[in-house]
Amino acid sequence: MRKKETVSKGCFVKKTENSDDLLWGINPVKEFCLENPRELVEIFIQKGKANPKIQEIIDLARGSGIRLRFVELERIGLPSGCRHQGVAARRGEVTLYDLEELLEHVEATSEGMPKILLLDCLQDPHNMGAILRSALAAGFAHVIVTRERSAPFSGTVAKVSAGALAHLRITRVVNLAETIKVLKKRGYWAFGTVAGKKAASIYQVDYSVPLCLVIGGEGSGIRPLVQKQCDHLVTIPMYGDFNSLNASAAAAVVMFEIRRRQLEG
């Protein structure tokens, strides 16, 4: 275990981000009602739509004091072709945590070894949402993203995450390489996911340590300065010369392998 060190304030970011964004679909809206109702400014219900799941959202909104509007959803600016299921909501703020708060929470709540997911410039909202969904399912409930060149936490991200976004604690940092240095001094080991035969197989690495897992952006992967801070570079062994998993699929494979190994250990 590495020694603990006070986190540098240079790694902190603001606790909230103005998004004023729409999210849609029964599950994403319901999860925000349950987990982060203060982030919802208002909820829209399509006129004429009624079923038990929508009624549950209506009851949650009324219980939390969230404004309800019964409208024609086509008139409020939802993306063309989105599957809103008769429900949409407008967010005012996405709650972000500073790094020290996130570290204190992960260390206080982790079952087994603490683990944190780091996303290095993920720009596609569908990849971002899919990774967050897998992260929550694999026990990576704490996530660090970069301020620049990262997809905003939009309605698309919330929808693709199937409500996971409402359950995760997220920190946004300016310099991911410097943040990894802070994490390492705090006792974490950094594992970077890369493509290539020179990296260790994910099936042959010891994960029985506090760890942070770094997933690179689409196309270019982990940036060189970030990769340099990783203690271990790991890869998913592919059949033959096949090597075309996208970021979200690769992230899911690695996160669930880490969870499997930690549960067995």
Protein backbone atom coordinates (compact mmCIF):
# COMPACT_ATOMS: atom_id res chain seq x y z
CA MET A 1 0.00 0.00 0.00
CA ARG A 2 1.25 3.46 -0.84
CA LYS A 3 1.11 6.20 1.74
CA LYS A 4 -1.88 8.51 1.78
CA GLU A 5 -1.39 12.14 0.80
CA THR A 6 -3.66 15.14 0.88
CA VAL A 7 -5.14 15.77 -2.53
CA SER A 8 -3.86 18.87 -4.29
CA LYS A 9 -6.49 21.52 -4.82
CA GLY A 10 -5.21 21.87 -8.37
CA CYS A 11 -7.08 18.67 -9.19
CA PHE A 12 -10.45 19.93 -7.94
CA VAL A 13 -13.29 21.03 -10.18
CA LYS A 14 -16.63 22.69 -9.50
CA LYS A 15 -19.29 20.57 -7.83
CA THR A 16 -21.97 21.33 -10.39
CA GLU A 17 -22.16 21.79 -14.12
CA ASN A 18 -24.87 23.78 -15.82
CA SER A 19 -26.43 21.53 -18.42
CA ASP A 20 -30.11 22.55 -18.71
CA ASP A 21 -30.47 19.37 -20.73
CA LEU A 22 -33.29 17.03 -21.53
CA LEU A 23 -33.41 13.35 -20.72
CA TRP A 24 -36.10 10.95 -21.82
CA GLY A 25 -37.43 7.47 -21.31
CA ILE A 26 -39.10 5.85 -18.30
CA ASN A 27 -36.03 4.31 -16.67
CA PRO A 28 -33.67 7.34 -16.84
CA VAL A 29 -36.33 9.74 -15.55
CA LYS A 30 -37.42 7.34 -12.80
CA GLU A 31 -33.83 6.80 -11.61
CA PHE A 32 -33.23 10.53 -11.37
CA CYS A 33 -36.49 10.89 -9.42
CA LEU A 34 -35.27 8.26 -6.99
CA GLU A 35 -31.60 9.19 -6.69
CA ASN A 36 -31.17 12.86 -7.65
CA PRO A 37 -34.60 14.58 -7.65
CA ARG A 38 -33.02 17.98 -6.96
CA GLU A 39 -31.36 17.85 -10.37
CA LEU A 40 -34.74 17.79 -12.14
CA VAL A 41 -36.36 21.12 -12.93
CA GLU A 42 -39.52 19.68 -14.47
CA ILE A 43 -40.98 16.46 -15.83
CA PHE A 44 -43.03 16.23 -19.01
CA ILE A 45 -45.70 13.57 -19.46
CA GLN A 46 -47.21 13.07 -22.91
CA LYS A 47 -50.89 13.88 -23.04
CA GLY A 48 -53.00 10.73 -23.27
CA LYS A 49 -50.22 8.43 -22.03
CA ALA A 50 -51.07 6.37 -18.97
CA ASN A 51 -49.63 3.19 -17.54
CA PRO A 52 -48.40 2.04 -14.10
CA LYS A 53 -44.76 2.98 -14.80
CA ILE A 54 -45.68 6.51 -15.84
CA GLN A 55 -47.99 6.82 -12.82
CA GLU A 56 -45.05 5.84 -10.60
CA ILE A 57 -43.01 8.71 -12.05
CA ILE A 58 -45.93 11.09 -11.51
CA ASP A 59 -46.19 10.00 -7.87
CA LEU A 60 -42.42 10.36 -7.36
CA ALA A 61 -42.45 13.82 -8.91
CA ARG A 62 -45.31 14.99 -6.71
CA GLY A 63 -43.65 13.53 -3.64
CA SER A 64 -40.40 15.37 -4.40
CA GLY A 65 -42.00 18.63 -5.41
CA ILE A 66 -40.87 18.41 -9.04
CA ARG A 67 -42.97 20.43 -11.47
CA LEU A 68 -45.18 18.25 -13.70
CA ARG A 69 -46.36 19.23 -17.16
CA PHE A 70 -48.75 17.25 -19.34
CA VAL A 71 -47.88 18.22 -22.91
CA GLU A 72 -47.35 17.06 -26.47
CA LEU A 73 -43.72 15.96 -26.18
CA GLU A 74 -43.04 16.68 -29.83
CA ARG A 75 -43.19 20.39 -28.95
CA ILE A 76 -40.44 20.51 -26.30
CA GLY A 77 -37.40 19.89 -28.49
CA LEU A 78 -36.60 16.22 -28.02
CA PRO A 79 -34.12 14.76 -30.52
CA SER A 80 -35.75 13.43 -33.65
CA GLY A 81 -36.63 9.76 -33.45
CA CYS A 82 -35.79 9.33 -29.74
CA ARG A 83 -37.78 6.68 -27.85
CA HIS A 84 -39.20 8.83 -25.06
CA GLN A 85 -41.95 6.35 -23.98
CA GLY A 86 -44.16 9.30 -23.14
CA VAL A 87 -41.81 10.75 -20.50
CA ALA A 88 -39.10 13.42 -20.55
CA ALA A 89 -37.48 15.70 -17.99
CA ARG A 90 -35.32 18.79 -17.88
CA ARG A 91 -32.22 18.81 -15.70
CA GLY A 92 -30.86 22.00 -14.20
CA GLU A 93 -27.57 20.72 -12.81
CA VAL A 94 -25.48 17.59 -12.96
CA THR A 95 -23.86 17.03 -9.58
CA LEU A 96 -20.11 16.62 -9.72
CA TYR A 97 -17.85 15.86 -6.75
CA ASP A 98 -14.38 17.16 -6.16
CA LEU A 99 -11.63 14.59 -6.05
CA GLU A 100 -11.18 14.50 -2.30
CA GLU A 101 -14.90 13.90 -1.73
CA LEU A 102 -14.91 11.10 -4.27
CA LEU A 103 -11.90 9.40 -2.69
CA GLU A 104 -13.33 9.64 0.80
CA HIS A 105 -16.61 8.15 -0.40
CA VAL A 106 -15.08 5.25 -2.36
CA GLU A 107 -12.84 4.32 0.55
CA ALA A 108 -15.75 4.47 3.00
CA THR A 109 -18.22 2.48 0.91
CA SER A 110 -16.18 -0.03 -1.11
CA GLU A 111 -16.84 -3.72 -0.64
CA GLY A 112 -13.42 -5.29 -0.91
CA MET A 113 -10.70 -3.39 -2.72
CA PRO A 114 -11.56 0.20 -3.75
CA LYS A 115 -11.75 0.77 -7.49
CA ILE A 116 -12.28 3.85 -9.63
CA LEU A 117 -12.95 4.19 -13.36
CA LEU A 118 -11.04 6.87 -15.29
CA LEU A 119 -12.24 7.89 -18.76
CA ASP A 120 -9.63 9.63 -20.90
CA CYS A 121 -11.42 11.87 -23.41
CA LEU A 122 -14.47 9.74 -24.23
CA GLN A 123 -16.28 11.88 -26.80
CA ASP A 124 -19.10 9.71 -28.11
CA PRO A 125 -22.22 10.00 -25.91
CA HIS A 126 -23.37 6.47 -26.78
CA ASN A 127 -20.01 5.03 -25.71
CA MET A 128 -20.06 7.17 -22.57
CA GLY A 129 -23.56 6.02 -21.63
CA ALA A 130 -22.80 2.35 -22.33
CA ILE A 131 -19.61 2.47 -20.27
CA LEU A 132 -21.37 4.11 -17.33
CA ARG A 133 -24.07 1.43 -17.47
CA SER A 134 -21.44 -1.34 -17.38
CA ALA A 135 -19.47 0.49 -14.71
CA LEU A 136 -22.34 0.51 -12.25
CA ALA A 137 -23.12 -3.15 -12.95
CA ALA A 138 -19.46 -4.13 -12.44
CA GLY A 139 -19.11 -2.24 -9.17
CA PHE A 140 -17.24 0.81 -10.48
CA ALA A 141 -19.55 3.35 -8.85
CA HIS A 142 -16.95 6.15 -8.85
CA VAL A 143 -15.86 7.71 -12.12
CA ILE A 144 -13.34 10.39 -13.10
CA VAL A 145 -13.60 12.08 -16.50
CA THR A 146 -11.62 14.80 -18.24
CA ARG A 147 -12.98 18.32 -18.49
CA GLU A 148 -11.83 18.77 -22.08
CA ARG A 149 -12.75 16.48 -24.98
CA SER A 150 -15.31 14.47 -23.03
CA ALA A 151 -18.93 13.96 -23.98
CA PRO A 152 -21.27 16.11 -21.86
CA PHE A 153 -23.70 14.31 -19.60
CA SER A 154 -26.56 14.80 -22.01
CA GLY A 155 -29.93 13.17 -22.38
CA THR A 156 -28.39 10.66 -24.77
CA VAL A 157 -25.80 9.64 -22.16
CA ALA A 158 -28.51 9.33 -19.50
CA LYS A 159 -30.74 7.27 -21.80
CA VAL A 160 -27.99 4.89 -22.96
CA SER A 161 -26.79 4.45 -19.39
CA ALA A 162 -30.29 3.12 -18.57
CA GLY A 163 -30.42 5.22 -15.41
CA ALA A 164 -26.90 4.40 -14.19
CA LEU A 165 -25.87 8.05 -14.45
CA ALA A 166 -28.13 8.87 -11.50
CA HIS A 167 -26.34 6.33 -9.26
CA LEU A 168 -22.69 7.15 -10.01
CA ARG A 169 -20.42 9.62 -8.25
CA ILE A 170 -18.50 11.52 -10.88
CA THR A 171 -15.51 13.85 -10.72
CA ARG A 172 -14.31 15.98 -13.61
CA VAL A 173 -10.62 16.98 -13.66
CA VAL A 174 -8.46 19.21 -15.81
CA ASN A 175 -5.33 17.04 -15.89
CA LEU A 176 -5.85 13.28 -15.80
CA ALA A 177 -2.13 12.44 -15.70
CA GLU A 178 -1.66 14.58 -12.59
CA THR A 179 -4.78 13.08 -11.05
CA ILE A 180 -3.35 9.58 -11.50
CA LYS A 181 -0.22 10.73 -9.63
CA VAL A 182 -2.46 11.83 -6.76
CA LEU A 183 -4.29 8.50 -6.78
CA LYS A 184 -1.02 6.56 -6.74
CA LYS A 185 0.21 8.52 -3.73
CA ARG A 186 -3.11 7.72 -2.09
CA GLY A 187 -2.44 3.99 -2.50
CA TYR A 188 -4.03 3.16 -5.85
CA TRP A 189 -2.44 1.26 -8.72
CA ALA A 190 -3.22 2.47 -12.22
CA PHE A 191 -4.18 -0.05 -14.92
CA GLY A 192 -4.39 1.29 -18.46
CA THR A 193 -6.27 -0.60 -21.18
CA VAL A 194 -4.51 -0.70 -24.55
CA ALA A 195 -4.50 -2.74 -27.74
CA GLY A 196 -1.37 -4.67 -28.55
CA LYS A 197 0.54 -7.82 -27.74
CA LYS A 198 3.16 -6.01 -25.61
CA ALA A 199 0.63 -5.38 -22.83
CA ALA A 200 -0.26 -8.03 -20.26
CA SER A 201 -3.40 -10.10 -20.74
CA ILE A 202 -6.26 -8.99 -18.52
CA TYR A 203 -6.57 -12.63 -17.47
CA GLN A 204 -3.03 -12.77 -16.06
CA VAL A 205 -2.86 -9.64 -13.90
CA ASP A 206 -3.28 -9.39 -10.13
CA TYR A 207 -6.12 -7.01 -9.26
CA SER A 208 -6.04 -7.54 -5.49
CA VAL A 209 -5.04 -3.92 -4.84
CA PRO A 210 -6.86 -0.57 -4.69
CA LEU A 211 -6.99 0.29 -8.37
CA CYS A 212 -7.97 2.83 -10.94
CA LEU A 213 -8.81 1.57 -14.41
CA VAL A 214 -8.08 3.91 -17.32
CA ILE A 215 -10.14 3.62 -20.51
CA GLY A 216 -8.95 5.61 -23.52
CA GLY A 217 -10.98 7.60 -26.00
CA GLU A 218 -12.34 6.36 -29.30
CA GLY A 219 -9.70 5.81 -31.93
CA SER A 220 -6.55 7.14 -30.24
CA GLY A 221 -6.94 5.33 -26.91
CA ILE A 222 -5.14 6.52 -23.77
CA ARG A 223 -3.05 9.62 -24.40
CA PRO A 224 0.75 9.15 -24.05
CA LEU A 225 1.18 11.31 -20.92
CA VAL A 226 -1.67 9.49 -19.21
CA GLN A 227 -0.38 6.10 -20.31
CA LYS A 228 3.03 6.98 -18.88
CA GLN A 229 1.49 7.25 -15.40
CA CYS A 230 -0.06 3.76 -15.54
CA ASP A 231 1.59 1.08 -13.41
CA HIS A 232 0.33 -1.69 -15.69
CA LEU A 233 -0.87 -1.77 -19.28
CA VAL A 234 -3.39 -4.53 -19.96
CA THR A 235 -5.08 -5.81 -23.08
CA ILE A 236 -7.86 -8.17 -24.08
CA PRO A 237 -6.44 -11.15 -25.95
CA MET A 238 -8.20 -11.44 -29.29
CA TYR A 239 -8.82 -14.42 -31.50
CA GLY A 240 -6.32 -14.43 -34.36
CA ASP A 241 -5.61 -10.90 -35.62
CA PHE A 242 -9.09 -9.61 -34.81
CA ASN A 243 -8.95 -6.34 -32.87
CA SER A 244 -12.03 -4.20 -33.34
CA LEU A 245 -13.87 -3.93 -30.02
CA ASN A 246 -15.09 -0.41 -29.43
CA ALA A 247 -14.39 1.47 -26.21
CA SER A 248 -17.62 0.51 -24.46
CA ALA A 249 -17.37 -3.20 -25.28
CA ALA A 250 -13.71 -3.35 -24.24
CA ALA A 251 -14.41 -1.45 -21.02
CA ALA A 252 -17.20 -3.87 -20.08
CA VAL A 253 -14.97 -6.92 -20.65
CA VAL A 254 -12.17 -5.51 -18.49
CA MET A 255 -14.39 -4.24 -15.67
CA PHE A 256 -16.24 -7.52 -15.31
CA GLU A 257 -12.99 -9.50 -15.38
CA ILE A 258 -11.70 -7.33 -12.53
CA ARG A 259 -14.94 -7.88 -10.61
CA ARG A 260 -14.80 -11.64 -11.21
CA ARG A 261 -11.21 -11.88 -10.01
CA GLN A 262 -11.81 -9.73 -6.93
CA LEU A 263 -14.85 -11.78 -5.96
CA GLU A 264 -12.84 -14.99 -6.28
CA GLY A 265 -9.91 -13.52 -4.37
